[in-house]
């Protein structure tokens, strides 16, 4: 695993300053603003928004077809409306304090030890060493949270079968039948 300082150095060399344009929250190509969330993240967003879990999250749209007619996907994504995140209003995030890891770390992510950088108008922007270290810490936290969720899903799949003929979400907390 990379050290915090080495990751911060790479982030700082890339540079980033959010422009507040909202492009990351708006669909510019199919699925470009799809935000995958864990059950805990969806609950935090629901609490912040004063909504139910189902009011903020929907099944992640990539389904696997089982041989027995079961269809399932792993985890959830934030709901969208009109090509934008449900929580983007007047160019600002209405659940900013509870936003998911992916939103806190965009346009960066860790792919193993490699820093992946996605297109964003804020790239190349000036940032302080402290900001780069904070972002590096968030990226490491995100990677650890994603690995924990994946391990939880493996445990669920090892102990619970997706019932034949149903459509379901499999997450770290269980198997949840859904319509569709």
N, C-alpha and C. Protein backbone atom coordinates (compact mmCIF):
# COMPACT_ATOMS: atom_id res chain seq x y z
N UNK A 1 0.84 -1.19 0.00
CA UNK A 1 0.00 0.00 0.00
C UNK A 1 0.89 1.25 0.00
N UNK A 2 0.47 2.24 -0.72
CA UNK A 2 1.22 3.49 -0.82
C UNK A 2 1.16 4.26 0.48
N UNK A 3 2.19 5.04 0.72
CA UNK A 3 2.17 5.88 1.92
C UNK A 3 1.33 7.12 1.65
N UNK A 4 0.82 7.69 2.71
CA UNK A 4 0.03 8.91 2.61
C UNK A 4 0.83 10.02 1.94
N UNK A 5 2.09 10.19 2.34
CA UNK A 5 2.89 11.27 1.77
C UNK A 5 3.20 11.06 0.29
N UNK A 6 3.48 9.82 -0.11
CA UNK A 6 3.74 9.55 -1.53
C UNK A 6 2.50 9.83 -2.37
N UNK A 7 1.35 9.45 -1.86
CA UNK A 7 0.10 9.70 -2.57
C UNK A 7 -0.18 11.20 -2.63
N UNK A 8 0.04 11.89 -1.53
CA UNK A 8 -0.16 13.34 -1.50
C UNK A 8 0.76 14.04 -2.50
N UNK A 9 2.00 13.57 -2.62
CA UNK A 9 2.93 14.15 -3.59
C UNK A 9 2.39 14.02 -5.01
N UNK A 10 1.85 12.85 -5.34
CA UNK A 10 1.32 12.64 -6.69
C UNK A 10 0.07 13.49 -6.94
N UNK A 11 -0.78 13.59 -5.94
CA UNK A 11 -1.98 14.43 -6.07
C UNK A 11 -1.58 15.88 -6.27
N UNK A 12 -0.61 16.33 -5.49
CA UNK A 12 -0.16 17.72 -5.58
C UNK A 12 0.47 18.00 -6.95
N UNK A 13 1.21 17.03 -7.49
CA UNK A 13 1.82 17.19 -8.81
C UNK A 13 0.75 17.29 -9.89
N UNK A 14 -0.36 16.58 -9.71
CA UNK A 14 -1.47 16.65 -10.66
C UNK A 14 -2.20 17.98 -10.50
N UNK A 15 -2.46 18.35 -9.26
CA UNK A 15 -3.17 19.58 -8.96
C UNK A 15 -4.67 19.43 -9.12
N UNK A 16 -5.39 20.06 -8.23
CA UNK A 16 -6.85 20.04 -8.31
C UNK A 16 -7.43 21.15 -7.44
N UNK A 17 -8.38 21.84 -8.01
CA UNK A 17 -9.17 22.83 -7.28
C UNK A 17 -10.58 22.74 -7.85
N UNK A 18 -11.54 22.36 -7.01
CA UNK A 18 -12.92 22.24 -7.46
C UNK A 18 -13.41 23.60 -7.97
N UNK A 19 -14.00 23.59 -9.15
CA UNK A 19 -14.53 24.83 -9.73
C UNK A 19 -16.00 25.05 -9.39
N UNK A 20 -16.62 24.03 -8.79
CA UNK A 20 -18.04 24.15 -8.45
C UNK A 20 -18.95 24.09 -9.67
N UNK A 21 -18.47 23.51 -10.76
CA UNK A 21 -19.24 23.50 -12.00
C UNK A 21 -20.39 22.49 -11.98
N UNK A 22 -20.30 21.47 -11.12
CA UNK A 22 -21.36 20.46 -11.05
C UNK A 22 -21.31 19.42 -12.15
N UNK A 23 -20.28 19.45 -13.00
CA UNK A 23 -20.19 18.48 -14.10
C UNK A 23 -20.12 17.05 -13.57
N UNK A 24 -19.46 16.85 -12.44
CA UNK A 24 -19.34 15.49 -11.88
C UNK A 24 -20.69 14.97 -11.39
N UNK A 25 -21.63 15.87 -11.16
CA UNK A 25 -22.96 15.50 -10.67
C UNK A 25 -23.98 15.43 -11.79
N UNK A 26 -23.55 15.75 -13.00
CA UNK A 26 -24.44 15.79 -14.16
C UNK A 26 -23.97 14.79 -15.20
N UNK A 27 -24.91 14.16 -15.85
CA UNK A 27 -24.58 13.15 -16.85
C UNK A 27 -24.11 13.82 -18.14
N UNK A 28 -22.85 13.58 -18.49
CA UNK A 28 -22.31 14.11 -19.75
C UNK A 28 -22.18 13.00 -20.79
N UNK A 29 -22.19 11.75 -20.32
CA UNK A 29 -22.26 10.57 -21.17
C UNK A 29 -22.99 9.51 -20.35
N UNK A 30 -23.54 8.48 -21.00
CA UNK A 30 -24.34 7.51 -20.25
C UNK A 30 -23.61 6.94 -19.02
N UNK A 31 -24.22 7.14 -17.86
CA UNK A 31 -23.68 6.62 -16.61
C UNK A 31 -22.52 7.39 -16.03
N UNK A 32 -22.16 8.52 -16.65
CA UNK A 32 -20.97 9.25 -16.20
C UNK A 32 -21.09 9.79 -14.78
N UNK A 33 -22.29 10.00 -14.30
CA UNK A 33 -22.46 10.53 -12.94
C UNK A 33 -23.06 9.49 -11.99
N UNK A 34 -22.87 8.24 -12.29
CA UNK A 34 -23.39 7.16 -11.46
C UNK A 34 -22.53 7.06 -10.20
N UNK A 35 -23.16 7.21 -9.04
CA UNK A 35 -22.45 7.19 -7.76
C UNK A 35 -22.80 5.91 -7.01
N UNK A 36 -21.86 4.98 -6.98
CA UNK A 36 -22.05 3.73 -6.24
C UNK A 36 -21.88 4.03 -4.76
N UNK A 37 -22.82 3.49 -3.95
CA UNK A 37 -22.78 3.73 -2.50
C UNK A 37 -22.97 2.42 -1.74
N UNK A 38 -22.38 2.38 -0.56
CA UNK A 38 -22.59 1.25 0.35
C UNK A 38 -23.90 1.49 1.09
N UNK A 39 -24.42 0.48 1.75
CA UNK A 39 -25.64 0.69 2.55
C UNK A 39 -25.47 1.79 3.60
N UNK A 40 -24.31 1.83 4.25
CA UNK A 40 -24.06 2.86 5.27
C UNK A 40 -24.06 4.25 4.66
N UNK A 41 -23.45 4.40 3.49
CA UNK A 41 -23.44 5.70 2.82
C UNK A 41 -24.85 6.11 2.42
N UNK A 42 -25.62 5.18 1.90
CA UNK A 42 -27.00 5.49 1.50
C UNK A 42 -27.82 5.93 2.71
N UNK A 43 -27.64 5.27 3.85
CA UNK A 43 -28.37 5.67 5.06
C UNK A 43 -27.95 7.07 5.52
N UNK A 44 -26.65 7.37 5.45
CA UNK A 44 -26.17 8.70 5.84
C UNK A 44 -26.77 9.78 4.95
N UNK A 45 -26.81 9.53 3.65
CA UNK A 45 -27.41 10.48 2.71
C UNK A 45 -28.90 10.61 2.99
N UNK A 46 -29.58 9.49 3.22
CA UNK A 46 -31.02 9.52 3.51
C UNK A 46 -31.29 10.34 4.77
N UNK A 47 -30.50 10.14 5.81
CA UNK A 47 -30.67 10.91 7.04
C UNK A 47 -30.46 12.40 6.78
N UNK A 48 -29.41 12.74 6.04
CA UNK A 48 -29.11 14.15 5.74
C UNK A 48 -30.21 14.80 4.90
N UNK A 49 -30.82 14.01 4.03
CA UNK A 49 -31.85 14.54 3.12
C UNK A 49 -33.25 14.44 3.70
N UNK A 50 -33.40 13.75 4.83
CA UNK A 50 -34.74 13.56 5.39
C UNK A 50 -35.59 12.65 4.52
N UNK A 51 -34.96 11.65 3.93
CA UNK A 51 -35.65 10.72 3.04
C UNK A 51 -35.44 9.29 3.52
N UNK A 52 -36.13 8.37 2.88
CA UNK A 52 -35.93 6.95 3.17
C UNK A 52 -34.74 6.44 2.36
N UNK A 53 -34.28 5.26 2.72
CA UNK A 53 -33.21 4.59 1.97
C UNK A 53 -33.62 4.48 0.50
N UNK A 54 -34.83 3.96 0.25
CA UNK A 54 -35.31 3.80 -1.13
C UNK A 54 -35.48 5.13 -1.84
N UNK A 55 -35.64 6.20 -1.09
CA UNK A 55 -35.79 7.52 -1.69
C UNK A 55 -34.48 8.11 -2.19
N UNK A 56 -33.35 7.55 -1.74
CA UNK A 56 -32.06 8.07 -2.18
C UNK A 56 -31.25 7.06 -2.99
N UNK A 57 -31.53 5.78 -2.80
CA UNK A 57 -30.71 4.75 -3.46
C UNK A 57 -31.56 3.84 -4.33
N UNK A 58 -30.93 3.36 -5.39
CA UNK A 58 -31.55 2.40 -6.28
C UNK A 58 -30.52 1.32 -6.59
N UNK A 59 -30.95 0.17 -7.06
CA UNK A 59 -29.98 -0.88 -7.39
C UNK A 59 -28.97 -0.40 -8.43
N UNK A 60 -27.71 -0.74 -8.22
CA UNK A 60 -26.69 -0.45 -9.21
C UNK A 60 -27.14 -1.12 -10.52
N UNK A 61 -27.07 -0.44 -11.66
CA UNK A 61 -27.74 -0.93 -12.87
C UNK A 61 -27.10 -2.11 -13.60
N UNK A 62 -25.92 -2.53 -13.23
CA UNK A 62 -25.28 -3.66 -13.92
C UNK A 62 -25.66 -4.96 -13.22
N UNK A 63 -26.54 -5.73 -13.85
CA UNK A 63 -27.03 -6.97 -13.25
C UNK A 63 -26.33 -8.18 -13.84
N UNK A 64 -26.20 -9.21 -13.02
CA UNK A 64 -25.65 -10.50 -13.43
C UNK A 64 -26.84 -11.45 -13.57
N UNK A 65 -26.87 -12.18 -14.66
CA UNK A 65 -27.94 -13.14 -14.90
C UNK A 65 -27.50 -14.51 -14.40
N UNK A 66 -28.21 -15.05 -13.41
CA UNK A 66 -27.91 -16.38 -12.89
C UNK A 66 -28.52 -17.46 -13.76
N UNK A 67 -27.98 -18.66 -13.69
CA UNK A 67 -28.49 -19.78 -14.48
C UNK A 67 -29.91 -20.17 -14.07
N UNK A 68 -30.29 -19.86 -12.85
CA UNK A 68 -31.60 -20.25 -12.33
C UNK A 68 -32.65 -19.15 -12.48
N UNK A 69 -32.35 -18.14 -13.30
CA UNK A 69 -33.29 -17.06 -13.52
C UNK A 69 -33.14 -15.91 -12.54
N UNK A 70 -32.25 -16.04 -11.58
CA UNK A 70 -32.00 -14.93 -10.65
C UNK A 70 -31.21 -13.84 -11.37
N UNK A 71 -31.52 -12.60 -11.04
CA UNK A 71 -30.76 -11.44 -11.53
C UNK A 71 -30.30 -10.70 -10.30
N UNK A 72 -29.01 -10.37 -10.24
CA UNK A 72 -28.55 -9.64 -9.06
C UNK A 72 -27.44 -8.66 -9.42
N UNK A 73 -27.30 -7.68 -8.57
CA UNK A 73 -26.28 -6.66 -8.71
C UNK A 73 -25.64 -6.48 -7.35
N UNK A 74 -24.49 -5.86 -7.34
CA UNK A 74 -23.78 -5.62 -6.08
C UNK A 74 -23.88 -4.14 -5.72
N UNK A 75 -24.46 -3.88 -4.57
CA UNK A 75 -24.56 -2.55 -4.00
C UNK A 75 -25.59 -1.66 -4.68
N UNK A 76 -25.51 -0.42 -4.33
CA UNK A 76 -26.52 0.58 -4.65
C UNK A 76 -25.89 1.76 -5.35
N UNK A 77 -26.71 2.59 -5.96
CA UNK A 77 -26.23 3.87 -6.49
C UNK A 77 -27.23 4.95 -6.09
N UNK A 78 -26.73 6.18 -6.01
CA UNK A 78 -27.63 7.29 -5.68
C UNK A 78 -28.59 7.51 -6.84
N UNK A 79 -29.81 7.84 -6.49
CA UNK A 79 -30.82 8.14 -7.51
C UNK A 79 -30.43 9.40 -8.27
N UNK A 80 -30.87 9.44 -9.52
CA UNK A 80 -30.66 10.61 -10.37
C UNK A 80 -32.00 11.02 -10.96
N UNK A 81 -32.08 12.26 -11.33
CA UNK A 81 -33.29 12.73 -12.03
C UNK A 81 -32.87 13.77 -13.05
N UNK A 82 -33.45 13.66 -14.22
CA UNK A 82 -33.15 14.63 -15.27
C UNK A 82 -31.68 14.72 -15.63
N UNK A 83 -30.96 13.60 -15.56
CA UNK A 83 -29.56 13.61 -15.94
C UNK A 83 -28.61 14.17 -14.91
N UNK A 84 -29.07 14.36 -13.70
CA UNK A 84 -28.19 14.89 -12.66
C UNK A 84 -28.46 14.18 -11.34
N UNK A 85 -27.52 14.32 -10.43
CA UNK A 85 -27.69 13.75 -9.09
C UNK A 85 -28.92 14.37 -8.45
N UNK A 86 -29.66 13.55 -7.75
CA UNK A 86 -30.87 13.99 -7.06
C UNK A 86 -30.59 15.13 -6.09
N UNK A 87 -29.36 15.23 -5.61
CA UNK A 87 -29.03 16.20 -4.56
C UNK A 87 -28.30 17.43 -5.07
N UNK A 88 -28.21 17.60 -6.38
CA UNK A 88 -27.61 18.80 -6.96
C UNK A 88 -28.71 19.83 -7.16
N UNK A 89 -28.63 20.92 -6.43
CA UNK A 89 -29.61 22.00 -6.53
C UNK A 89 -28.87 23.33 -6.65
N UNK A 90 -29.22 24.09 -7.67
CA UNK A 90 -28.61 25.39 -7.91
C UNK A 90 -27.08 25.31 -7.87
N UNK A 91 -26.55 24.24 -8.46
CA UNK A 91 -25.12 24.07 -8.57
C UNK A 91 -24.42 23.61 -7.30
N UNK A 92 -25.17 23.26 -6.29
CA UNK A 92 -24.57 22.85 -5.01
C UNK A 92 -25.16 21.54 -4.52
N UNK A 93 -24.37 20.81 -3.73
CA UNK A 93 -24.80 19.54 -3.15
C UNK A 93 -25.60 19.82 -1.87
N UNK A 94 -26.81 19.31 -1.82
CA UNK A 94 -27.67 19.54 -0.65
C UNK A 94 -27.38 18.57 0.49
N UNK A 95 -26.53 17.57 0.25
CA UNK A 95 -26.13 16.63 1.32
C UNK A 95 -24.61 16.63 1.45
N UNK A 96 -24.00 17.77 1.24
CA UNK A 96 -22.54 17.89 1.17
C UNK A 96 -21.83 17.24 2.35
N UNK A 97 -22.30 17.46 3.55
CA UNK A 97 -21.66 16.90 4.74
C UNK A 97 -21.74 15.40 4.82
N UNK A 98 -22.70 14.80 4.12
CA UNK A 98 -22.90 13.34 4.15
C UNK A 98 -22.59 12.70 2.80
N UNK A 99 -21.95 13.44 1.92
CA UNK A 99 -21.71 12.90 0.57
C UNK A 99 -20.83 11.65 0.65
N UNK A 100 -21.03 10.73 -0.28
CA UNK A 100 -20.29 9.46 -0.30
C UNK A 100 -18.80 9.65 -0.60
N UNK A 101 -18.03 8.59 -0.33
CA UNK A 101 -16.59 8.60 -0.59
C UNK A 101 -16.27 9.04 -2.01
N UNK A 102 -17.00 8.50 -3.00
CA UNK A 102 -16.69 8.79 -4.40
C UNK A 102 -16.79 10.30 -4.67
N UNK A 103 -17.75 10.96 -4.04
CA UNK A 103 -17.92 12.40 -4.22
C UNK A 103 -16.83 13.18 -3.49
N UNK A 104 -16.42 12.69 -2.35
CA UNK A 104 -15.37 13.36 -1.56
C UNK A 104 -14.01 13.30 -2.24
N UNK A 105 -13.80 12.29 -3.07
CA UNK A 105 -12.48 12.07 -3.65
C UNK A 105 -12.39 12.35 -5.15
N UNK A 106 -13.51 12.64 -5.82
CA UNK A 106 -13.50 12.89 -7.25
C UNK A 106 -12.64 14.11 -7.54
N UNK A 107 -11.84 14.11 -8.58
CA UNK A 107 -11.74 13.20 -9.72
C UNK A 107 -10.66 12.12 -9.58
N UNK A 108 -10.37 11.74 -8.35
CA UNK A 108 -9.33 10.74 -8.11
C UNK A 108 -9.93 9.45 -7.56
N UNK A 109 -9.22 8.35 -7.77
CA UNK A 109 -9.51 7.09 -7.08
C UNK A 109 -8.24 6.25 -7.09
N UNK A 110 -8.18 5.31 -6.19
CA UNK A 110 -7.06 4.37 -6.17
C UNK A 110 -7.49 3.09 -6.86
N UNK A 111 -6.67 2.65 -7.79
CA UNK A 111 -6.85 1.37 -8.47
C UNK A 111 -5.66 0.52 -8.05
N UNK A 112 -5.83 -0.22 -6.96
CA UNK A 112 -4.68 -0.88 -6.34
C UNK A 112 -3.80 0.20 -5.76
N UNK A 113 -2.54 0.25 -6.18
CA UNK A 113 -1.62 1.30 -5.73
C UNK A 113 -1.54 2.47 -6.71
N UNK A 114 -2.24 2.35 -7.84
CA UNK A 114 -2.17 3.37 -8.88
C UNK A 114 -3.21 4.45 -8.64
N UNK A 115 -2.79 5.71 -8.77
CA UNK A 115 -3.73 6.83 -8.68
C UNK A 115 -4.38 7.01 -10.04
N UNK A 116 -5.69 6.83 -10.10
CA UNK A 116 -6.44 7.06 -11.33
C UNK A 116 -7.02 8.47 -11.26
N UNK A 117 -6.96 9.17 -12.38
CA UNK A 117 -7.43 10.55 -12.44
C UNK A 117 -8.43 10.65 -13.59
N UNK A 118 -9.60 11.21 -13.30
CA UNK A 118 -10.66 11.33 -14.29
C UNK A 118 -10.76 12.78 -14.76
N UNK A 119 -11.31 12.95 -15.94
CA UNK A 119 -11.45 14.27 -16.54
C UNK A 119 -12.28 15.18 -15.63
N UNK A 120 -11.79 16.38 -15.42
CA UNK A 120 -12.48 17.35 -14.56
C UNK A 120 -11.90 18.74 -14.84
N UNK A 121 -12.76 19.76 -14.94
CA UNK A 121 -12.25 21.12 -15.18
C UNK A 121 -11.31 21.63 -14.08
N UNK A 122 -11.39 21.05 -12.88
CA UNK A 122 -10.55 21.51 -11.78
C UNK A 122 -9.14 20.95 -11.77
N UNK A 123 -8.86 19.98 -12.65
CA UNK A 123 -7.51 19.39 -12.68
C UNK A 123 -6.48 20.45 -13.04
N UNK A 124 -5.32 20.34 -12.41
CA UNK A 124 -4.24 21.30 -12.64
C UNK A 124 -4.34 22.52 -11.74
N UNK A 125 -5.43 22.60 -10.97
CA UNK A 125 -5.61 23.73 -10.07
C UNK A 125 -4.64 23.70 -8.90
N UNK A 126 -4.39 24.86 -8.37
CA UNK A 126 -3.46 24.98 -7.25
C UNK A 126 -4.07 24.39 -5.98
N UNK A 127 -3.24 23.67 -5.23
CA UNK A 127 -3.70 23.13 -3.95
C UNK A 127 -2.54 23.14 -2.97
N UNK A 128 -2.90 23.22 -1.71
CA UNK A 128 -1.88 23.23 -0.67
C UNK A 128 -1.45 21.81 -0.33
N UNK A 129 -0.33 21.69 0.35
CA UNK A 129 0.15 20.38 0.82
C UNK A 129 -0.88 19.77 1.76
N UNK A 130 -1.47 20.58 2.61
CA UNK A 130 -2.48 20.10 3.56
C UNK A 130 -3.70 19.54 2.82
N UNK A 131 -4.15 20.23 1.77
CA UNK A 131 -5.28 19.75 0.97
C UNK A 131 -4.94 18.43 0.28
N UNK A 132 -3.72 18.32 -0.24
CA UNK A 132 -3.30 17.09 -0.90
C UNK A 132 -3.23 15.94 0.09
N UNK A 133 -2.74 16.20 1.30
CA UNK A 133 -2.68 15.15 2.33
C UNK A 133 -4.08 14.73 2.76
N UNK A 134 -4.99 15.68 2.89
CA UNK A 134 -6.37 15.36 3.26
C UNK A 134 -7.01 14.49 2.18
N UNK A 135 -6.83 14.87 0.93
CA UNK A 135 -7.38 14.08 -0.18
C UNK A 135 -6.75 12.69 -0.23
N UNK A 136 -5.46 12.60 0.01
CA UNK A 136 -4.78 11.30 0.04
C UNK A 136 -5.37 10.43 1.15
N UNK A 137 -5.59 11.01 2.32
CA UNK A 137 -6.17 10.26 3.44
C UNK A 137 -7.58 9.79 3.09
N UNK A 138 -8.35 10.64 2.43
CA UNK A 138 -9.70 10.25 2.01
C UNK A 138 -9.65 9.11 1.00
N UNK A 139 -8.72 9.18 0.06
CA UNK A 139 -8.59 8.10 -0.93
C UNK A 139 -8.22 6.77 -0.27
N UNK A 140 -7.33 6.81 0.68
CA UNK A 140 -6.96 5.58 1.40
C UNK A 140 -8.15 5.06 2.19
N UNK A 141 -8.89 5.97 2.84
CA UNK A 141 -10.10 5.56 3.57
C UNK A 141 -11.14 4.97 2.64
N UNK A 142 -11.30 5.58 1.47
CA UNK A 142 -12.26 5.07 0.49
C UNK A 142 -11.88 3.67 0.04
N UNK A 143 -10.60 3.47 -0.26
CA UNK A 143 -10.16 2.15 -0.71
C UNK A 143 -10.40 1.11 0.38
N UNK A 144 -10.11 1.44 1.62
CA UNK A 144 -10.34 0.51 2.73
C UNK A 144 -11.83 0.21 2.89
N UNK A 145 -12.68 1.23 2.74
CA UNK A 145 -14.13 1.03 2.85
C UNK A 145 -14.64 0.15 1.71
N UNK A 146 -14.13 0.37 0.50
CA UNK A 146 -14.54 -0.46 -0.65
C UNK A 146 -14.10 -1.90 -0.46
N UNK A 147 -12.90 -2.11 0.05
CA UNK A 147 -12.42 -3.47 0.30
C UNK A 147 -13.25 -4.15 1.38
N UNK A 148 -13.64 -3.41 2.41
CA UNK A 148 -14.48 -3.97 3.48
C UNK A 148 -15.85 -4.35 2.93
N UNK A 149 -16.41 -3.51 2.06
CA UNK A 149 -17.71 -3.81 1.46
C UNK A 149 -17.60 -5.06 0.58
N UNK A 150 -16.55 -5.15 -0.22
CA UNK A 150 -16.35 -6.33 -1.07
C UNK A 150 -16.22 -7.59 -0.23
N UNK A 151 -15.49 -7.53 0.87
CA UNK A 151 -15.35 -8.68 1.76
C UNK A 151 -16.70 -9.05 2.36
N UNK A 152 -17.48 -8.05 2.75
CA UNK A 152 -18.82 -8.30 3.28
C UNK A 152 -19.71 -8.99 2.26
N UNK A 153 -19.63 -8.57 1.01
CA UNK A 153 -20.41 -9.19 -0.07
C UNK A 153 -19.99 -10.65 -0.25
N UNK A 154 -18.68 -10.90 -0.22
CA UNK A 154 -18.20 -12.28 -0.34
C UNK A 154 -18.76 -13.15 0.78
N UNK A 155 -18.80 -12.62 1.99
CA UNK A 155 -19.34 -13.38 3.13
C UNK A 155 -20.83 -13.65 2.95
N UNK A 156 -21.56 -12.65 2.49
CA UNK A 156 -22.99 -12.85 2.24
C UNK A 156 -23.19 -13.93 1.19
N UNK A 157 -22.46 -13.85 0.09
CA UNK A 157 -22.61 -14.84 -0.98
C UNK A 157 -22.18 -16.24 -0.54
N UNK A 158 -21.25 -16.32 0.39
CA UNK A 158 -20.81 -17.63 0.88
C UNK A 158 -21.84 -18.27 1.79
N UNK A 159 -22.71 -17.45 2.38
CA UNK A 159 -23.67 -18.00 3.35
C UNK A 159 -25.13 -17.92 2.90
N UNK A 160 -25.39 -17.19 1.81
CA UNK A 160 -26.77 -16.97 1.37
C UNK A 160 -26.85 -17.08 -0.14
N UNK A 161 -27.77 -17.85 -0.63
CA UNK A 161 -27.98 -17.96 -2.07
C UNK A 161 -29.00 -16.92 -2.52
N UNK A 162 -28.80 -16.38 -3.72
CA UNK A 162 -29.80 -15.51 -4.30
C UNK A 162 -30.92 -16.42 -4.77
N UNK A 163 -32.14 -16.25 -4.25
CA UNK A 163 -33.25 -17.14 -4.62
C UNK A 163 -33.49 -17.17 -6.14
N UNK A 164 -33.78 -18.33 -6.65
CA UNK A 164 -34.05 -18.51 -8.07
C UNK A 164 -35.21 -17.63 -8.52
N UNK A 165 -35.04 -17.06 -9.69
CA UNK A 165 -36.12 -16.32 -10.32
C UNK A 165 -36.38 -14.92 -9.78
N UNK A 166 -35.56 -14.43 -8.87
CA UNK A 166 -35.81 -13.08 -8.36
C UNK A 166 -34.72 -12.12 -8.82
N UNK A 167 -35.02 -10.85 -8.68
CA UNK A 167 -34.08 -9.77 -8.93
C UNK A 167 -33.69 -9.24 -7.56
N UNK A 168 -32.39 -9.09 -7.30
CA UNK A 168 -31.96 -8.70 -5.97
C UNK A 168 -30.69 -7.86 -6.00
N UNK A 169 -30.49 -7.12 -4.92
CA UNK A 169 -29.23 -6.45 -4.65
C UNK A 169 -28.53 -7.27 -3.58
N UNK A 170 -27.27 -7.58 -3.82
CA UNK A 170 -26.44 -8.25 -2.82
C UNK A 170 -25.45 -7.20 -2.33
N UNK A 171 -25.52 -6.89 -1.03
CA UNK A 171 -24.56 -5.97 -0.44
C UNK A 171 -23.97 -6.62 0.81
N UNK A 172 -23.18 -5.90 1.55
CA UNK A 172 -22.49 -6.47 2.71
C UNK A 172 -23.44 -6.81 3.85
N UNK A 173 -24.69 -6.37 3.73
CA UNK A 173 -25.67 -6.61 4.79
C UNK A 173 -26.68 -7.70 4.45
N UNK A 174 -26.68 -8.17 3.20
CA UNK A 174 -27.61 -9.23 2.86
C UNK A 174 -28.02 -9.22 1.40
N UNK A 175 -29.08 -9.97 1.14
CA UNK A 175 -29.68 -10.08 -0.20
C UNK A 175 -31.04 -9.43 -0.12
N UNK A 176 -31.27 -8.43 -0.98
CA UNK A 176 -32.49 -7.63 -0.92
C UNK A 176 -33.26 -7.74 -2.23
N UNK A 177 -34.41 -8.42 -2.22
CA UNK A 177 -35.22 -8.50 -3.44
C UNK A 177 -35.68 -7.10 -3.88
N UNK A 178 -35.64 -6.88 -5.18
CA UNK A 178 -36.08 -5.60 -5.75
C UNK A 178 -36.97 -5.90 -6.95
N UNK A 179 -37.74 -4.92 -7.35
CA UNK A 179 -38.57 -5.07 -8.54
C UNK A 179 -37.76 -4.64 -9.75
N UNK A 180 -37.88 -5.38 -10.84
CA UNK A 180 -37.21 -4.97 -12.07
C UNK A 180 -36.36 -5.97 -12.70
